[in-house]
């Protein structure tokens, strides 16, 4: 079973995974039923430039663009984007950031926050993923809004804790329509590009 197949296991087959690249000018949609095609497409496009997929699948194709939080139909879990310090402003402009995955794990332990289910290296930062045992599927707008508030509050708590305990300043990445990088692709912010991968912590 591939990475995306595992991530979106038991997600409704008709939900759509956006694939998007600003630099390549690409916005495409693949149903969960054809998730293997989406994974191959991400790997193919990654050879050319930065490519992302929507973390939360959409319930329908959006009227324009890659979709907004209102279009989201399900979620595999909560993802938090934790940038790591870089002296290169082209990578990250913010400098009040952790320097390693070890520092991030130490902060979570000190804060009393459960460690994520998985950690992905983006090449220049980390994605902390708290995955659900089963996908959260939204049957109404109210259902989705309640879930979005839980995610927003959790992100806010993480950012506040990082600031208080470590003086780190993380960006707000709590919206459900957030895009992310898939393991097996490349991050082209540096030359040579860096691999995106799941890492052991």
Protein backbone atom coordinates (compact mmCIF):
# COMPACT_ATOMS: atom_id res chain seq x y z
CA UNK A 1 0.00 0.00 0.00
CA UNK A 2 1.42 3.38 -1.02
CA UNK A 3 1.69 6.48 1.17
CA UNK A 4 -1.47 8.16 -0.14
CA UNK A 5 -3.42 4.89 -0.09
CA UNK A 6 -2.62 4.52 3.61
CA UNK A 7 -3.32 8.18 4.37
CA UNK A 8 -6.74 8.18 2.70
CA UNK A 9 -7.78 4.64 3.58
CA UNK A 10 -11.56 4.49 4.17
CA UNK A 11 -12.03 8.03 2.84
CA UNK A 12 -15.14 8.25 0.57
CA UNK A 13 -14.06 7.16 -2.91
CA UNK A 14 -15.70 10.17 -4.60
CA UNK A 15 -13.83 12.76 -2.53
CA UNK A 16 -11.25 14.68 -4.54
CA UNK A 17 -7.56 15.25 -3.86
CA UNK A 18 -6.29 18.55 -5.28
CA UNK A 19 -2.81 18.62 -6.82
CA UNK A 20 -1.42 22.12 -7.11
CA UNK A 21 1.73 23.99 -8.07
CA UNK A 22 2.04 27.75 -8.28
CA UNK A 23 5.39 27.63 -10.09
CA UNK A 24 4.24 25.01 -12.60
CA UNK A 25 0.80 26.58 -13.04
CA UNK A 26 -1.01 23.31 -12.31
CA UNK A 27 -4.31 22.58 -10.56
CA UNK A 28 -5.68 19.05 -10.97
CA UNK A 29 -8.13 16.84 -9.10
CA UNK A 30 -8.09 13.08 -8.55
CA UNK A 31 -10.77 11.06 -6.81
CA UNK A 32 -9.74 8.92 -3.86
CA UNK A 33 -10.73 5.95 -6.03
CA UNK A 34 -7.78 6.81 -8.30
CA UNK A 35 -5.35 7.79 -5.55
CA UNK A 36 -2.55 5.71 -7.09
CA UNK A 37 -2.70 7.91 -10.20
CA UNK A 38 -2.50 11.01 -8.01
CA UNK A 39 0.62 9.68 -6.29
CA UNK A 40 2.35 8.91 -9.58
CA UNK A 41 1.40 12.35 -10.90
CA UNK A 42 2.92 14.05 -7.84
CA UNK A 43 6.18 12.15 -8.26
CA UNK A 44 6.26 12.95 -11.99
CA UNK A 45 5.65 16.68 -11.50
CA UNK A 46 8.11 16.85 -8.61
CA UNK A 47 10.97 16.35 -11.06
CA UNK A 48 10.05 19.71 -12.61
CA UNK A 49 9.29 21.87 -9.56
CA UNK A 50 7.49 22.21 -6.24
CA UNK A 51 4.22 20.29 -6.16
CA UNK A 52 1.64 19.93 -3.38
CA UNK A 53 -1.56 18.07 -2.61
CA UNK A 54 -4.48 19.14 -0.46
CA UNK A 55 -4.27 17.62 3.03
CA UNK A 56 -8.06 17.35 3.30
CA UNK A 57 -9.95 15.85 0.33
CA UNK A 58 -12.78 17.90 -1.16
CA UNK A 59 -16.44 16.85 -1.34
CA UNK A 60 -16.77 18.29 -4.87
CA UNK A 61 -14.75 20.08 -7.51
CA UNK A 62 -14.51 23.78 -6.58
CA UNK A 63 -15.82 26.52 -8.80
CA UNK A 64 -12.32 27.90 -9.16
CA UNK A 65 -8.82 27.34 -7.85
CA UNK A 66 -7.77 24.41 -5.70
CA UNK A 67 -10.67 24.83 -3.26
CA UNK A 68 -11.32 26.43 0.11
CA UNK A 69 -12.19 25.11 3.55
CA UNK A 70 -15.88 25.26 2.55
CA UNK A 71 -15.20 22.61 -0.12
CA UNK A 72 -13.54 20.12 2.25
CA UNK A 73 -15.38 16.83 2.76
CA UNK A 74 -13.08 14.82 5.02
CA UNK A 75 -9.80 14.88 6.92
CA UNK A 76 -7.19 12.21 7.67
CA UNK A 77 -6.04 14.04 10.79
CA UNK A 78 -4.50 17.28 12.03
CA UNK A 79 -1.37 18.56 10.30
CA UNK A 80 0.91 21.24 11.78
CA UNK A 81 3.61 22.90 9.68
CA UNK A 82 6.73 23.54 11.79
CA UNK A 83 9.41 25.38 9.83
CA UNK A 84 13.05 24.89 10.83
CA UNK A 85 15.59 27.69 10.99
CA UNK A 86 17.48 28.52 7.82
CA UNK A 87 20.02 31.26 7.27
CA UNK A 88 18.74 31.53 3.68
CA UNK A 89 15.84 34.04 3.54
CA UNK A 90 14.64 32.38 0.33
CA UNK A 91 13.80 29.32 2.42
CA UNK A 92 12.21 30.97 5.48
CA UNK A 93 12.04 34.66 6.32
CA UNK A 94 11.17 33.95 9.96
CA UNK A 95 14.27 33.36 12.11
CA UNK A 96 12.72 32.59 15.51
CA UNK A 97 12.43 28.89 14.72
CA UNK A 98 13.74 25.56 15.99
CA UNK A 99 16.91 24.14 14.51
CA UNK A 100 16.15 20.43 14.46
CA UNK A 101 13.51 17.74 14.80
CA UNK A 102 15.02 16.87 18.18
CA UNK A 103 14.30 20.37 19.47
CA UNK A 104 10.70 20.13 18.26
CA UNK A 105 10.14 16.76 19.96
CA UNK A 106 11.69 18.09 23.19
CA UNK A 107 9.28 21.06 23.11
CA UNK A 108 6.25 18.79 22.64
CA UNK A 109 7.39 16.62 25.56
CA UNK A 110 7.94 19.64 27.82
CA UNK A 111 4.54 21.02 26.81
CA UNK A 112 2.80 17.73 27.64
CA UNK A 113 1.54 17.38 24.08
CA UNK A 114 1.27 13.88 22.62
CA UNK A 115 3.82 13.23 19.93
CA UNK A 116 2.40 13.12 16.39
CA UNK A 117 1.52 9.86 14.68
CA UNK A 118 4.08 10.62 11.99
CA UNK A 119 6.62 13.32 11.17
CA UNK A 120 7.49 14.28 7.62
CA UNK A 121 10.57 16.25 6.66
CA UNK A 122 9.73 18.80 3.97
CA UNK A 123 13.45 19.27 3.33
CA UNK A 124 13.42 22.63 5.11
CA UNK A 125 10.94 22.01 7.90
CA UNK A 126 8.59 19.49 9.45
CA UNK A 127 5.01 18.39 9.06
CA UNK A 128 3.65 17.06 12.34
CA UNK A 129 0.71 14.75 11.62
CA UNK A 130 -1.75 13.61 14.27
CA UNK A 131 -3.64 11.02 12.22
CA UNK A 132 -7.14 9.78 13.03
CA UNK A 133 -7.79 6.05 13.37
CA UNK A 134 -10.54 6.62 10.78
CA UNK A 135 -11.03 9.68 8.56
CA UNK A 136 -13.27 12.45 9.81
CA UNK A 137 -16.07 12.65 7.22
CA UNK A 138 -18.28 15.74 7.29
CA UNK A 139 -21.98 15.18 6.70
CA UNK A 140 -22.97 18.85 7.00
CA UNK A 141 -21.47 22.34 6.98
CA UNK A 142 -21.98 22.55 10.75
CA UNK A 143 -20.08 19.30 11.17
CA UNK A 144 -17.17 20.67 9.15
CA UNK A 145 -17.21 24.01 10.98
CA UNK A 146 -17.06 22.29 14.36
CA UNK A 147 -14.10 20.23 13.21
CA UNK A 148 -12.39 23.31 11.75
CA UNK A 149 -12.72 25.09 15.11
CA UNK A 150 -11.13 22.15 16.94
CA UNK A 151 -8.21 22.21 14.49
CA UNK A 152 -7.88 26.01 14.75
CA UNK A 153 -7.87 25.89 18.56
CA UNK A 154 -5.29 23.09 18.63
CA UNK A 155 -3.01 25.01 16.25
CA UNK A 156 -3.38 28.15 18.35
CA UNK A 157 -2.43 26.20 21.48
CA UNK A 158 0.63 24.76 19.72
CA UNK A 159 1.79 28.18 18.50
CA UNK A 160 1.25 29.76 21.93
CA UNK A 161 3.15 26.96 23.66
CA UNK A 162 6.06 27.23 21.21
CA UNK A 163 6.25 30.97 21.79
CA UNK A 164 6.05 30.76 25.59
CA UNK A 165 8.36 27.78 26.08
CA UNK A 166 10.87 28.30 23.26
CA UNK A 167 10.29 31.80 21.79
CA UNK A 168 9.54 30.20 18.41
CA UNK A 169 7.11 31.85 16.02
CA UNK A 170 5.25 29.41 13.79
CA UNK A 171 2.92 30.53 11.01
CA UNK A 172 -0.82 29.88 11.25
CA UNK A 173 -1.48 26.85 9.01
CA UNK A 174 -4.79 25.74 10.51
CA UNK A 175 -7.13 26.13 7.51
CA UNK A 176 -8.59 22.85 6.25
CA UNK A 177 -7.70 23.63 2.63
CA UNK A 178 -3.98 23.70 3.45
CA UNK A 179 -1.69 22.01 0.90
CA UNK A 180 1.29 19.84 1.81
CA UNK A 181 4.18 17.91 0.30
CA UNK A 182 4.12 14.16 -0.26
CA UNK A 183 7.01 11.89 0.76
CA UNK A 184 8.83 10.78 -2.37
CA UNK A 185 8.70 14.25 -3.95
CA UNK A 186 11.35 16.99 -3.95
CA UNK A 187 11.53 20.43 -2.35
CA UNK A 188 13.00 22.82 -4.90
CA UNK A 189 13.55 25.80 -2.59
CA UNK A 190 17.24 24.83 -2.50
CA UNK A 191 19.71 23.73 -5.16
CA UNK A 192 20.04 20.79 -5.25
CA UNK A 193 16.44 20.07 -4.20
CA UNK A 194 15.84 18.17 -0.96
CA UNK A 195 13.77 15.00 -0.58
CA UNK A 196 10.46 14.97 1.28
CA UNK A 197 10.30 11.92 3.54
CA UNK A 198 8.77 10.36 6.63
CA UNK A 199 11.36 10.38 9.41
CA UNK A 200 11.82 8.44 12.64
CA UNK A 201 11.63 10.45 15.86
